[in-house]
PDB file of all heavy atoms in Angstrom:
ATOM      1  N   SER A   1     -18.823  10.019  -6.460  1.00  0.00           N
ATOM      2  CA  SER A   1     -18.826   8.989  -5.419  1.00  0.00           C
ATOM      3  C   SER A   1     -17.737   7.975  -5.742  1.00  0.00           C
ATOM      4  O   SER A   1     -17.738   7.378  -6.814  1.00  0.00           O
ATOM      5  CB  SER A   1     -20.201   8.300  -5.362  1.00  0.00           C
ATOM      6  OG  SER A   1     -20.210   7.285  -4.387  1.00  0.00           O
ATOM      7  N   TYR A   2     -16.806   7.802  -4.830  1.00  0.00           N
ATOM      8  CA  TYR A   2     -15.660   6.933  -5.083  1.00  0.00           C
ATOM      9  C   TYR A   2     -15.855   5.528  -4.504  1.00  0.00           C
ATOM     10  O   TYR A   2     -15.318   4.562  -5.037  1.00  0.00           O
ATOM     11  CB  TYR A   2     -14.386   7.569  -4.526  1.00  0.00           C
ATOM     12  CG  TYR A   2     -14.109   8.938  -5.107  1.00  0.00           C
ATOM     13  CD1 TYR A   2     -14.455  10.093  -4.427  1.00  0.00           C
ATOM     14  CD2 TYR A   2     -13.532   9.083  -6.365  1.00  0.00           C
ATOM     15  CE1 TYR A   2     -14.228  11.355  -4.958  1.00  0.00           C
ATOM     16  CE2 TYR A   2     -13.303  10.331  -6.916  1.00  0.00           C
ATOM     17  CZ  TYR A   2     -13.651  11.463  -6.206  1.00  0.00           C
ATOM     18  OH  TYR A   2     -13.436  12.712  -6.749  1.00  0.00           O
ATOM     19  N   ASP A   3     -16.614   5.421  -3.404  1.00  0.00           N
ATOM     20  CA  ASP A   3     -16.943   4.110  -2.801  1.00  0.00           C
ATOM     21  C   ASP A   3     -15.701   3.232  -2.665  1.00  0.00           C
ATOM     22  O   ASP A   3     -15.651   2.092  -3.120  1.00  0.00           O
ATOM     23  CB  ASP A   3     -18.000   3.386  -3.647  1.00  0.00           C
ATOM     24  CG  ASP A   3     -19.319   4.131  -3.685  1.00  0.00           C
ATOM     25  OD1 ASP A   3     -19.672   4.738  -2.665  1.00  0.00           O
ATOM     26  OD2 ASP A   3     -19.970   4.123  -4.745  1.00  0.00           O
ATOM     27  N   LEU A   4     -14.672   3.763  -2.035  1.00  0.00           N
ATOM     28  CA  LEU A   4     -13.413   3.029  -1.918  1.00  0.00           C
ATOM     29  C   LEU A   4     -13.451   2.066  -0.738  1.00  0.00           C
ATOM     30  O   LEU A   4     -13.988   2.381   0.326  1.00  0.00           O
ATOM     31  CB  LEU A   4     -12.250   4.010  -1.739  1.00  0.00           C
ATOM     32  CG  LEU A   4     -12.058   5.038  -2.853  1.00  0.00           C
ATOM     33  CD1 LEU A   4     -10.868   5.930  -2.537  1.00  0.00           C
ATOM     34  CD2 LEU A   4     -11.859   4.347  -4.192  1.00  0.00           C
ATOM     35  N   LEU A   5     -12.875   0.911  -0.940  1.00  0.00           N
ATOM     36  CA  LEU A   5     -12.748  -0.092   0.116  1.00  0.00           C
ATOM     37  C   LEU A   5     -11.280  -0.177   0.499  1.00  0.00           C
ATOM     38  O   LEU A   5     -10.447  -0.648  -0.278  1.00  0.00           O
ATOM     39  CB  LEU A   5     -13.259  -1.463  -0.361  1.00  0.00           C
ATOM     40  CG  LEU A   5     -13.133  -2.613   0.648  1.00  0.00           C
ATOM     41  CD1 LEU A   5     -13.977  -2.322   1.886  1.00  0.00           C
ATOM     42  CD2 LEU A   5     -13.551  -3.938   0.015  1.00  0.00           C
ATOM     43  N   VAL A   6     -10.958   0.308   1.684  1.00  0.00           N
ATOM     44  CA  VAL A   6      -9.574   0.340   2.148  1.00  0.00           C
ATOM     45  C   VAL A   6      -9.254  -0.959   2.870  1.00  0.00           C
ATOM     46  O   VAL A   6      -9.885  -1.295   3.870  1.00  0.00           O
ATOM     47  CB  VAL A   6      -9.326   1.537   3.083  1.00  0.00           C
ATOM     48  CG1 VAL A   6      -7.880   1.554   3.562  1.00  0.00           C
ATOM     49  CG2 VAL A   6      -9.679   2.831   2.380  1.00  0.00           C
ATOM     50  N   SER A   7      -8.302  -1.709   2.352  1.00  0.00           N
ATOM     51  CA  SER A   7      -7.885  -2.969   2.968  1.00  0.00           C
ATOM     52  C   SER A   7      -6.392  -2.942   3.235  1.00  0.00           C
ATOM     53  O   SER A   7      -5.657  -2.143   2.653  1.00  0.00           O
ATOM     54  CB  SER A   7      -8.215  -4.150   2.039  1.00  0.00           C
ATOM     55  OG  SER A   7      -7.498  -4.052   0.822  1.00  0.00           O
ATOM     56  N   ASN A   8      -5.959  -3.793   4.138  1.00  0.00           N
ATOM     57  CA  ASN A   8      -4.531  -3.949   4.447  1.00  0.00           C
ATOM     58  C   ASN A   8      -3.919  -2.678   5.024  1.00  0.00           C
ATOM     59  O   ASN A   8      -2.704  -2.470   4.951  1.00  0.00           O
ATOM     60  CB  ASN A   8      -3.745  -4.351   3.190  1.00  0.00           C
ATOM     61  CG  ASN A   8      -2.541  -5.217   3.507  1.00  0.00           C
ATOM     62  OD1 ASN A   8      -2.601  -6.026   4.414  1.00  0.00           O
ATOM     63  ND2 ASN A   8      -1.467  -5.046   2.767  1.00  0.00           N
ATOM     64  N   SER A   9      -4.756  -1.798   5.590  1.00  0.00           N
ATOM     65  CA  SER A   9      -4.238  -0.534   6.122  1.00  0.00           C
ATOM     66  C   SER A   9      -3.434  -0.735   7.407  1.00  0.00           C
ATOM     67  O   SER A   9      -2.683   0.150   7.808  1.00  0.00           O
ATOM     68  CB  SER A   9      -5.402   0.431   6.394  1.00  0.00           C
ATOM     69  OG  SER A   9      -6.301  -0.132   7.336  1.00  0.00           O
ATOM     70  N   ASP A  10      -3.604  -1.896   8.070  1.00  0.00           N
ATOM     71  CA  ASP A  10      -2.873  -2.146   9.315  1.00  0.00           C
ATOM     72  C   ASP A  10      -1.583  -2.928   9.087  1.00  0.00           C
ATOM     73  O   ASP A  10      -0.956  -3.383  10.035  1.00  0.00           O
ATOM     74  CB  ASP A  10      -3.771  -2.901  10.302  1.00  0.00           C
ATOM     75  CG  ASP A  10      -4.305  -4.211   9.727  1.00  0.00           C
ATOM     76  OD1 ASP A  10      -4.177  -4.403   8.498  1.00  0.00           O
ATOM     77  OD2 ASP A  10      -4.842  -5.013  10.506  1.00  0.00           O
ATOM     78  N   GLU A  11      -1.186  -3.092   7.826  1.00  0.00           N
ATOM     79  CA  GLU A  11       0.053  -3.803   7.516  1.00  0.00           C
ATOM     80  C   GLU A  11       1.207  -2.801   7.547  1.00  0.00           C
ATOM     81  O   GLU A  11       1.624  -2.258   6.525  1.00  0.00           O
ATOM     82  CB  GLU A  11      -0.055  -4.469   6.139  1.00  0.00           C
ATOM     83  CG  GLU A  11       1.135  -5.346   5.756  1.00  0.00           C
ATOM     84  CD  GLU A  11       1.453  -6.389   6.804  1.00  0.00           C
ATOM     85  OE1 GLU A  11       0.773  -7.428   6.835  1.00  0.00           O
ATOM     86  OE2 GLU A  11       2.384  -6.138   7.585  1.00  0.00           O
ATOM     87  N   TYR A  12       1.717  -2.547   8.763  1.00  0.00           N
ATOM     88  CA  TYR A  12       2.711  -1.500   8.926  1.00  0.00           C
ATOM     89  C   TYR A  12       4.096  -1.901   8.414  1.00  0.00           C
ATOM     90  O   TYR A  12       4.992  -1.060   8.327  1.00  0.00           O
ATOM     91  CB  TYR A  12       2.787  -1.077  10.392  1.00  0.00           C
ATOM     92  CG  TYR A  12       1.497  -0.471  10.876  1.00  0.00           C
ATOM     93  CD1 TYR A  12       0.671  -1.142  11.770  1.00  0.00           C
ATOM     94  CD2 TYR A  12       1.084   0.776  10.399  1.00  0.00           C
ATOM     95  CE1 TYR A  12      -0.528  -0.578  12.194  1.00  0.00           C
ATOM     96  CE2 TYR A  12      -0.107   1.345  10.808  1.00  0.00           C
ATOM     97  CZ  TYR A  12      -0.915   0.659  11.708  1.00  0.00           C
ATOM     98  OH  TYR A  12      -2.101   1.208  12.111  1.00  0.00           O
ATOM     99  N   THR A  13       4.295  -3.165   8.105  1.00  0.00           N
ATOM    100  CA  THR A  13       5.576  -3.573   7.524  1.00  0.00           C
ATOM    101  C   THR A  13       5.741  -3.048   6.101  1.00  0.00           C
ATOM    102  O   THR A  13       6.841  -3.097   5.549  1.00  0.00           O
ATOM    103  CB  THR A  13       5.696  -5.111   7.509  1.00  0.00           C
ATOM    104  OG1 THR A  13       4.603  -5.649   6.764  1.00  0.00           O
ATOM    105  CG2 THR A  13       5.672  -5.666   8.925  1.00  0.00           C
ATOM    106  N   LEU A  14       4.656  -2.544   5.494  1.00  0.00           N
ATOM    107  CA  LEU A  14       4.725  -2.020   4.136  1.00  0.00           C
ATOM    108  C   LEU A  14       4.853  -0.494   4.095  1.00  0.00           C
ATOM    109  O   LEU A  14       4.799   0.096   3.015  1.00  0.00           O
ATOM    110  CB  LEU A  14       3.471  -2.436   3.350  1.00  0.00           C
ATOM    111  CG  LEU A  14       3.290  -3.932   3.082  1.00  0.00           C
ATOM    112  CD1 LEU A  14       1.991  -4.181   2.322  1.00  0.00           C
ATOM    113  CD2 LEU A  14       4.462  -4.476   2.275  1.00  0.00           C
ATOM    114  N   LEU A  15       5.026   0.119   5.263  1.00  0.00           N
ATOM    115  CA  LEU A  15       5.102   1.576   5.277  1.00  0.00           C
ATOM    116  C   LEU A  15       6.291   2.088   4.469  1.00  0.00           C
ATOM    117  O   LEU A  15       6.244   3.183   3.902  1.00  0.00           O
ATOM    118  CB  LEU A  15       5.183   2.085   6.717  1.00  0.00           C
ATOM    119  CG  LEU A  15       3.900   1.963   7.553  1.00  0.00           C
ATOM    120  CD1 LEU A  15       4.109   2.534   8.944  1.00  0.00           C
ATOM    121  CD2 LEU A  15       2.733   2.655   6.867  1.00  0.00           C
ATOM    122  N   TRP A  16       7.364   1.298   4.418  1.00  0.00           N
ATOM    123  CA  TRP A  16       8.513   1.724   3.624  1.00  0.00           C
ATOM    124  C   TRP A  16       8.157   1.819   2.142  1.00  0.00           C
ATOM    125  O   TRP A  16       8.720   2.636   1.411  1.00  0.00           O
ATOM    126  CB  TRP A  16       9.683   0.743   3.812  1.00  0.00           C
ATOM    127  CG  TRP A  16       9.409  -0.625   3.253  1.00  0.00           C
ATOM    128  CD1 TRP A  16       8.863  -1.676   3.906  1.00  0.00           C
ATOM    129  CD2 TRP A  16       9.667  -1.061   1.920  1.00  0.00           C
ATOM    130  NE1 TRP A  16       8.747  -2.762   3.066  1.00  0.00           N
ATOM    131  CE2 TRP A  16       9.248  -2.414   1.837  1.00  0.00           C
ATOM    132  CE3 TRP A  16      10.211  -0.472   0.785  1.00  0.00           C
ATOM    133  CZ2 TRP A  16       9.348  -3.154   0.667  1.00  0.00           C
ATOM    134  CZ3 TRP A  16      10.313  -1.215  -0.378  1.00  0.00           C
ATOM    135  CH2 TRP A  16       9.896  -2.541  -0.420  1.00  0.00           C
ATOM    136  N   LEU A  17       7.197   0.981   1.709  1.00  0.00           N
ATOM    137  CA  LEU A  17       6.750   1.043   0.312  1.00  0.00           C
ATOM    138  C   LEU A  17       6.081   2.382   0.027  1.00  0.00           C
ATOM    139  O   LEU A  17       6.320   2.997  -1.017  1.00  0.00           O
ATOM    140  CB  LEU A  17       5.783  -0.104   0.021  1.00  0.00           C
ATOM    141  CG  LEU A  17       5.083  -0.076  -1.342  1.00  0.00           C
ATOM    142  CD1 LEU A  17       6.096  -0.149  -2.476  1.00  0.00           C
ATOM    143  CD2 LEU A  17       4.076  -1.217  -1.454  1.00  0.00           C
ATOM    144  N   TYR A  18       5.259   2.858   0.973  1.00  0.00           N
ATOM    145  CA  TYR A  18       4.588   4.141   0.776  1.00  0.00           C
ATOM    146  C   TYR A  18       5.601   5.292   0.821  1.00  0.00           C
ATOM    147  O   TYR A  18       5.431   6.302   0.126  1.00  0.00           O
ATOM    148  CB  TYR A  18       3.496   4.321   1.828  1.00  0.00           C
ATOM    149  CG  TYR A  18       2.501   3.188   1.813  1.00  0.00           C
ATOM    150  CD1 TYR A  18       2.351   2.351   2.918  1.00  0.00           C
ATOM    151  CD2 TYR A  18       1.740   2.917   0.683  1.00  0.00           C
ATOM    152  CE1 TYR A  18       1.457   1.292   2.895  1.00  0.00           C
ATOM    153  CE2 TYR A  18       0.847   1.858   0.648  1.00  0.00           C
ATOM    154  CZ  TYR A  18       0.713   1.042   1.757  1.00  0.00           C
ATOM    155  OH  TYR A  18      -0.157  -0.012   1.722  1.00  0.00           O
ATOM    156  N   GLY A  19       6.658   5.134   1.624  1.00  0.00           N
ATOM    157  CA  GLY A  19       7.719   6.116   1.610  1.00  0.00           C
ATOM    158  C   GLY A  19       8.434   6.159   0.267  1.00  0.00           C
ATOM    159  O   GLY A  19       8.774   7.232  -0.251  1.00  0.00           O
ATOM    160  N   THR A  20       8.645   4.974  -0.312  1.00  0.00           N
ATOM    161  CA  THR A  20       9.264   4.899  -1.640  1.00  0.00           C
ATOM    162  C   THR A  20       8.379   5.567  -2.682  1.00  0.00           C
ATOM    163  O   THR A  20       8.868   6.301  -3.559  1.00  0.00           O
ATOM    164  CB  THR A  20       9.504   3.431  -2.028  1.00  0.00           C
ATOM    165  OG1 THR A  20      10.332   2.805  -1.039  1.00  0.00           O
ATOM    166  CG2 THR A  20      10.172   3.327  -3.387  1.00  0.00           C
ATOM    167  N   ILE A  21       7.070   5.321  -2.597  1.00  0.00           N
ATOM    168  CA  ILE A  21       6.130   5.967  -3.518  1.00  0.00           C
ATOM    169  C   ILE A  21       6.191   7.483  -3.355  1.00  0.00           C
ATOM    170  O   ILE A  21       6.145   8.240  -4.337  1.00  0.00           O
ATOM    171  CB  ILE A  21       4.697   5.449  -3.270  1.00  0.00           C
ATOM    172  CG1 ILE A  21       4.578   3.982  -3.702  1.00  0.00           C
ATOM    173  CG2 ILE A  21       3.667   6.301  -4.013  1.00  0.00           C
ATOM    174  CD1 ILE A  21       3.246   3.345  -3.372  1.00  0.00           C
ATOM    175  N   GLY A  22       6.324   7.947  -2.105  1.00  0.00           N
ATOM    176  CA  GLY A  22       6.415   9.386  -1.863  1.00  0.00           C
ATOM    177  C   GLY A  22       7.648  10.003  -2.484  1.00  0.00           C
ATOM    178  O   GLY A  22       7.577  11.058  -3.124  1.00  0.00           O
ATOM    179  N   ILE A  23       8.791   9.357  -2.324  1.00  0.00           N
ATOM    180  CA  ILE A  23      10.036   9.879  -2.898  1.00  0.00           C
ATOM    181  C   ILE A  23       9.967   9.884  -4.422  1.00  0.00           C
ATOM    182  O   ILE A  23      10.299  10.878  -5.082  1.00  0.00           O
ATOM    183  CB  ILE A  23      11.240   9.040  -2.415  1.00  0.00           C
ATOM    184  CG1 ILE A  23      11.420   9.193  -0.902  1.00  0.00           C
ATOM    185  CG2 ILE A  23      12.508   9.441  -3.154  1.00  0.00           C
ATOM    186  CD1 ILE A  23      12.453   8.259  -0.312  1.00  0.00           C
ATOM    187  N   PHE A  24       9.524   8.758  -4.976  1.00  0.00           N
ATOM    188  CA  PHE A  24       9.447   8.645  -6.431  1.00  0.00           C
ATOM    189  C   PHE A  24       8.447   9.642  -7.003  1.00  0.00           C
ATOM    190  O   PHE A  24       8.714  10.306  -8.018  1.00  0.00           O
ATOM    191  CB  PHE A  24       9.063   7.213  -6.812  1.00  0.00           C
ATOM    192  CG  PHE A  24       9.182   6.927  -8.278  1.00  0.00           C
ATOM    193  CD1 PHE A  24      10.429   6.784  -8.875  1.00  0.00           C
ATOM    194  CD2 PHE A  24       8.051   6.795  -9.072  1.00  0.00           C
ATOM    195  CE1 PHE A  24      10.545   6.530 -10.223  1.00  0.00           C
ATOM    196  CE2 PHE A  24       8.160   6.533 -10.430  1.00  0.00           C
ATOM    197  CZ  PHE A  24       9.405   6.393 -11.002  1.00  0.00           C
ATOM    198  N   GLY A  25       7.284   9.757  -6.347  1.00  0.00           N
ATOM    199  CA  GLY A  25       6.270  10.703  -6.821  1.00  0.00           C
ATOM    200  C   GLY A  25       6.751  12.139  -6.760  1.00  0.00           C
ATOM    201  O   GLY A  25       6.479  12.941  -7.656  1.00  0.00           O
ATOM    202  N   SER A  26       7.503  12.480  -5.707  1.00  0.00           N
ATOM    203  CA  SER A  26       8.021  13.839  -5.587  1.00  0.00           C
ATOM    204  C   SER A  26       9.082  14.139  -6.640  1.00  0.00           C
ATOM    205  O   SER A  26       9.131  15.241  -7.192  1.00  0.00           O
ATOM    206  CB  SER A  26       8.599  14.055  -4.189  1.00  0.00           C
ATOM    207  OG  SER A  26       8.970  15.405  -4.000  1.00  0.00           O
ATOM    208  N   LEU A  27       9.935  13.165  -6.935  1.00  0.00           N
ATOM    209  CA  LEU A  27      10.939  13.350  -7.987  1.00  0.00           C
ATOM    210  C   LEU A  27      10.274  13.641  -9.327  1.00  0.00           C
ATOM    211  O   LEU A  27      10.687  14.543 -10.063  1.00  0.00           O
ATOM    212  CB  LEU A  27      11.823  12.107  -8.097  1.00  0.00           C
ATOM    213  CG  LEU A  27      12.797  11.855  -6.943  1.00  0.00           C
ATOM    214  CD1 LEU A  27      13.466  10.492  -7.102  1.00  0.00           C
ATOM    215  CD2 LEU A  27      13.850  12.948  -6.876  1.00  0.00           C
ATOM    216  N   LEU A  28       9.217  12.890  -9.626  1.00  0.00           N
ATOM    217  CA  LEU A  28       8.492  13.119 -10.878  1.00  0.00           C
ATOM    218  C   LEU A  28       7.797  14.480 -10.865  1.00  0.00           C
ATOM    219  O   LEU A  28       7.768  15.182 -11.886  1.00  0.00           O
ATOM    220  CB  LEU A  28       7.464  12.010 -11.086  1.00  0.00           C
ATOM    221  CG  LEU A  28       8.000  10.652 -11.504  1.00  0.00           C
ATOM    222  CD1 LEU A  28       6.898   9.599 -11.410  1.00  0.00           C
ATOM    223  CD2 LEU A  28       8.551  10.691 -12.921  1.00  0.00           C
ATOM    224  N   ALA A  29       7.241  14.845  -9.705  1.00  0.00           N
ATOM    225  CA  ALA A  29       6.526  16.116  -9.606  1.00  0.00           C
ATOM    226  C   ALA A  29       7.473  17.301  -9.791  1.00  0.00           C
ATOM    227  O   ALA A  29       7.137  18.283 -10.468  1.00  0.00           O
ATOM    228  CB  ALA A  29       5.823  16.212  -8.256  1.00  0.00           C
ATOM    229  N   VAL A  30       8.653  17.230  -9.181  1.00  0.00           N
ATOM    230  CA  VAL A  30       9.637  18.309  -9.340  1.00  0.00           C
ATOM    231  C   VAL A  30      10.077  18.399 -10.796  1.00  0.00           C
ATOM    232  O   VAL A  30      10.221  19.501 -11.351  1.00  0.00           O
ATOM    233  CB  VAL A  30      10.839  18.064  -8.411  1.00  0.00           C
ATOM    234  CG1 VAL A  30      11.967  19.044  -8.732  1.00  0.00           C
ATOM    235  CG2 VAL A  30      10.418  18.201  -6.954  1.00  0.00           C
ATOM    236  N   LEU A  31      10.302  17.251 -11.423  1.00  0.00           N
ATOM    237  CA  LEU A  31      10.652  17.246 -12.848  1.00  0.00           C
ATOM    238  C   LEU A  31       9.538  17.870 -13.679  1.00  0.00           C
ATOM    239  O   LEU A  31       9.792  18.715 -14.563  1.00  0.00           O
ATOM    240  CB  LEU A  31      10.911  15.811 -13.308  1.00  0.00           C
ATOM    241  CG  LEU A  31      11.148  15.608 -14.811  1.00  0.00           C
ATOM    242  CD1 LEU A  31      12.445  16.285 -15.242  1.00  0.00           C
ATOM    243  CD2 LEU A  31      11.173  14.119 -15.165  1.00  0.00           C
ATOM    244  N   PHE A  32       8.301  17.486 -13.406  1.00  0.00           N
ATOM    245  CA  PHE A  32       7.142  18.005 -14.129  1.00  0.00           C
ATOM    246  C   PHE A  32       7.061  19.524 -13.987  1.00  0.00           C
ATOM    247  O   PHE A  32       6.916  20.254 -14.976  1.00  0.00           O
ATOM    248  CB  PHE A  32       5.866  17.347 -13.588  1.00  0.00           C
ATOM    249  CG  PHE A  32       4.618  17.704 -14.337  1.00  0.00           C
ATOM    250  CD1 PHE A  32       4.157  16.891 -15.358  1.00  0.00           C
ATOM    251  CD2 PHE A  32       3.879  18.835 -14.009  1.00  0.00           C
ATOM    252  CE1 PHE A  32       2.991  17.205 -16.052  1.00  0.00           C
ATOM    253  CE2 PHE A  32       2.719  19.162 -14.692  1.00  0.00           C
ATOM    254  CZ  PHE A  32       2.277  18.334 -15.720  1.00  0.00           C
ATOM    255  N   ARG A  33       7.187  20.008 -12.769  1.00  0.00           N
ATOM    256  CA  ARG A  33       7.040  21.445 -12.530  1.00  0.00           C
ATOM    257  C   ARG A  33       8.160  22.244 -13.189  1.00  0.00           C
ATOM    258  O   ARG A  33       7.914  23.273 -13.836  1.00  0.00           O
ATOM    259  CB  ARG A  33       7.016  21.721 -11.023  1.00  0.00           C
ATOM    260  CG  ARG A  33       6.887  23.210 -10.701  1.00  0.00           C
ATOM    261  CD  ARG A  33       6.843  23.473  -9.219  1.00  0.00           C
ATOM    262  NE  ARG A  33       6.824  24.903  -8.971  1.00  0.00           N
ATOM    263  CZ  ARG A  33       5.753  25.673  -9.006  1.00  0.00           C
ATOM    264  NH1 ARG A  33       4.586  25.138  -9.284  1.00  0.00           N
ATOM    265  NH2 ARG A  33       5.820  26.960  -8.756  1.00  0.00           N
ATOM    266  N   ASN A  34       9.403  21.787 -13.030  1.00  0.00           N
ATOM    267  CA  ASN A  34      10.535  22.543 -13.579  1.00  0.00           C
ATOM    268  C   ASN A  34      10.509  22.588 -15.104  1.00  0.00           C
ATOM    269  O   ASN A  34      10.744  23.636 -15.713  1.00  0.00           O
ATOM    270  CB  ASN A  34      11.850  21.942 -13.090  1.00  0.00           C
ATOM    271  CG  ASN A  34      12.090  22.202 -11.611  1.00  0.00           C
ATOM    272  OD1 ASN A  34      11.527  23.132 -11.035  1.00  0.00           O
ATOM    273  ND2 ASN A  34      12.912  21.378 -10.985  1.00  0.00           N
ATOM    274  N   VAL A  35      10.231  21.445 -15.727  1.00  0.00           N
ATOM    275  CA  VAL A  35      10.160  21.416 -17.192  1.00  0.00           C
ATOM    276  C   VAL A  35       8.968  22.242 -17.671  1.00  0.00           C
ATOM    277  O   VAL A  35       9.052  22.967 -18.670  1.00  0.00           O
ATOM    278  CB  VAL A  35      10.059  19.964 -17.708  1.00  0.00           C
ATOM    279  CG1 VAL A  35       9.869  19.940 -19.224  1.00  0.00           C
ATOM    280  CG2 VAL A  35      11.316  19.189 -17.334  1.00  0.00           C
ATOM    281  N   TYR A  36       7.859  22.154 -16.942  1.00  0.00           N
ATOM    282  CA  TYR A  36       6.658  22.923 -17.273  1.00  0.00           C
ATOM    283  C   TYR A  36       6.966  24.420 -17.305  1.00  0.00           C
ATOM    284  O   TYR A  36       6.641  25.126 -18.271  1.00  0.00           O
ATOM    285  CB  TYR A  36       5.569  22.612 -16.247  1.00  0.00           C
ATOM    286  CG  TYR A  36       4.294  23.392 -16.421  1.00  0.00           C
ATOM    287  CD1 TYR A  36       3.194  22.808 -17.039  1.00  0.00           C
ATOM    288  CD2 TYR A  36       4.170  24.699 -15.967  1.00  0.00           C
ATOM    289  CE1 TYR A  36       2.014  23.523 -17.200  1.00  0.00           C
ATOM    290  CE2 TYR A  36       3.010  25.410 -16.121  1.00  0.00           C
ATOM    291  CZ  TYR A  36       1.925  24.822 -16.737  1.00  0.00           C
ATOM    292  OH  TYR A  36       0.767  25.532 -16.899  1.00  0.00           O
ATOM    293  N   LEU A  37       7.579  24.925 -16.238  1.00  0.00           N
ATOM    294  CA  LEU A  37       7.866  26.352 -16.155  1.00  0.00           C
ATOM    295  C   LEU A  37       8.898  26.774 -17.197  1.00  0.00           C
ATOM    296  O   LEU A  37       8.835  27.890 -17.735  1.00  0.00           O
ATOM    297  CB  LEU A  37       8.352  26.706 -14.751  1.00  0.00           C
ATOM    298  CG  LEU A  37       7.320  26.526 -13.632  1.00  0.00           C
ATOM    299  CD1 LEU A  37       7.929  26.827 -12.285  1.00  0.00           C
ATOM    300  CD2 LEU A  37       6.085  27.390 -13.870  1.00  0.00           C
TER     301      LEU A  37
END
């Protein structure tokens, strides 16, 4: 049970931040996978 409280979800001016997290997370994931293999 995670019981998460989602707040500030309607703050669309921060969507670029989530895009940045996506790019950064994917770069790390590709690095992780390639080095792993």
